Amino acid sequence: MSDRSDGSSFNESLSVAHDDQGLFLQPLGMASLGRRDSKKLTFEGAAELYWDMLIRPLQGR
């Protein structure tokens, strides 16, 4: 038995993007699919996205 993992993966990542109004964060992973409110995120919105990803399975949703 080994604790070592040879593969690498991630469930979600954020990319910094911009438009004519300023900078924002965009989710790039599977968790953001189907979410209408996740196209242009603030820092607080990104934190809420990650929190929702953590807490949702624990709540059985």
Protein backbone atom coordinates (compact mmCIF):
# COMPACT_ATOMS: atom_id res chain seq x y z
CA MET A 1 0.00 0.00 0.00
CA SER A 2 1.28 3.44 -0.90
CA ASP A 3 0.24 7.00 -0.07
CA ARG A 4 1.89 8.24 -3.23
CA SER A 5 -0.17 9.45 -6.16
CA ASP A 6 1.44 9.50 -9.59
CA GLY A 7 -1.42 11.30 -11.30
CA SER A 8 -2.37 14.91 -11.02
CA SER A 9 -5.84 16.37 -11.31
CA PHE A 10 -8.05 19.17 -10.11
CA ASN A 11 -11.77 19.64 -9.72
CA GLU A 12 -11.96 23.37 -10.32
CA SER A 13 -9.69 26.25 -11.14
CA LEU A 14 -10.17 29.95 -11.67
CA SER A 15 -8.82 32.11 -14.45
CA VAL A 16 -8.37 35.88 -14.34
CA ALA A 17 -10.17 37.59 -17.20
CA HIS A 18 -11.12 41.15 -18.13
CA ASP A 19 -13.60 43.15 -20.12
CA ASP A 20 -14.09 46.87 -20.65
CA GLN A 21 -15.36 47.22 -17.05
CA GLY A 22 -12.51 45.52 -15.19
CA LEU A 23 -11.00 42.28 -13.95
CA PHE A 24 -12.95 39.25 -12.77
CA LEU A 25 -12.51 35.53 -12.15
CA GLN A 26 -13.93 32.76 -14.32
CA PRO A 27 -14.32 29.14 -13.21
CA LEU A 28 -12.87 26.61 -15.64
CA GLY A 29 -13.91 23.24 -14.22
CA MET A 30 -16.90 20.96 -14.17
CA ALA A 31 -18.44 22.50 -11.05
CA SER A 32 -19.29 25.67 -12.91
CA LEU A 33 -21.33 23.96 -15.65
CA GLY A 34 -24.99 24.82 -15.45
CA ARG A 35 -24.46 27.74 -13.08
CA ARG A 36 -25.76 30.97 -14.57
CA ASP A 37 -24.17 33.11 -11.84
CA SER A 38 -20.60 31.89 -12.33
CA LYS A 39 -19.47 33.67 -15.50
CA LYS A 40 -17.90 36.78 -13.91
CA LEU A 41 -16.91 36.25 -10.29
CA THR A 42 -15.62 38.64 -7.66
CA PHE A 43 -13.26 37.34 -4.98
CA GLU A 44 -16.31 36.78 -2.78
CA GLY A 45 -18.15 34.97 -5.58
CA ALA A 46 -15.16 32.68 -6.13
CA ALA A 47 -15.01 31.91 -2.40
CA GLU A 48 -18.74 31.09 -2.44
CA LEU A 49 -18.23 28.76 -5.42
CA TYR A 50 -15.47 26.85 -3.61
CA TRP A 51 -17.48 26.78 -0.37
CA ASP A 52 -20.51 25.41 -2.22
CA MET A 53 -18.32 22.70 -3.79
CA LEU A 54 -17.13 21.70 -0.30
CA ILE A 55 -20.41 21.81 1.58
CA ARG A 56 -22.83 20.44 -1.07
CA PRO A 57 -21.78 16.76 -0.73
CA LEU A 58 -21.86 17.05 3.05
CA GLN A 59 -25.46 18.31 2.90
CA GLY A 60 -26.48 15.49 0.57
CA ARG A 61 -27.50 17.76 -2.30
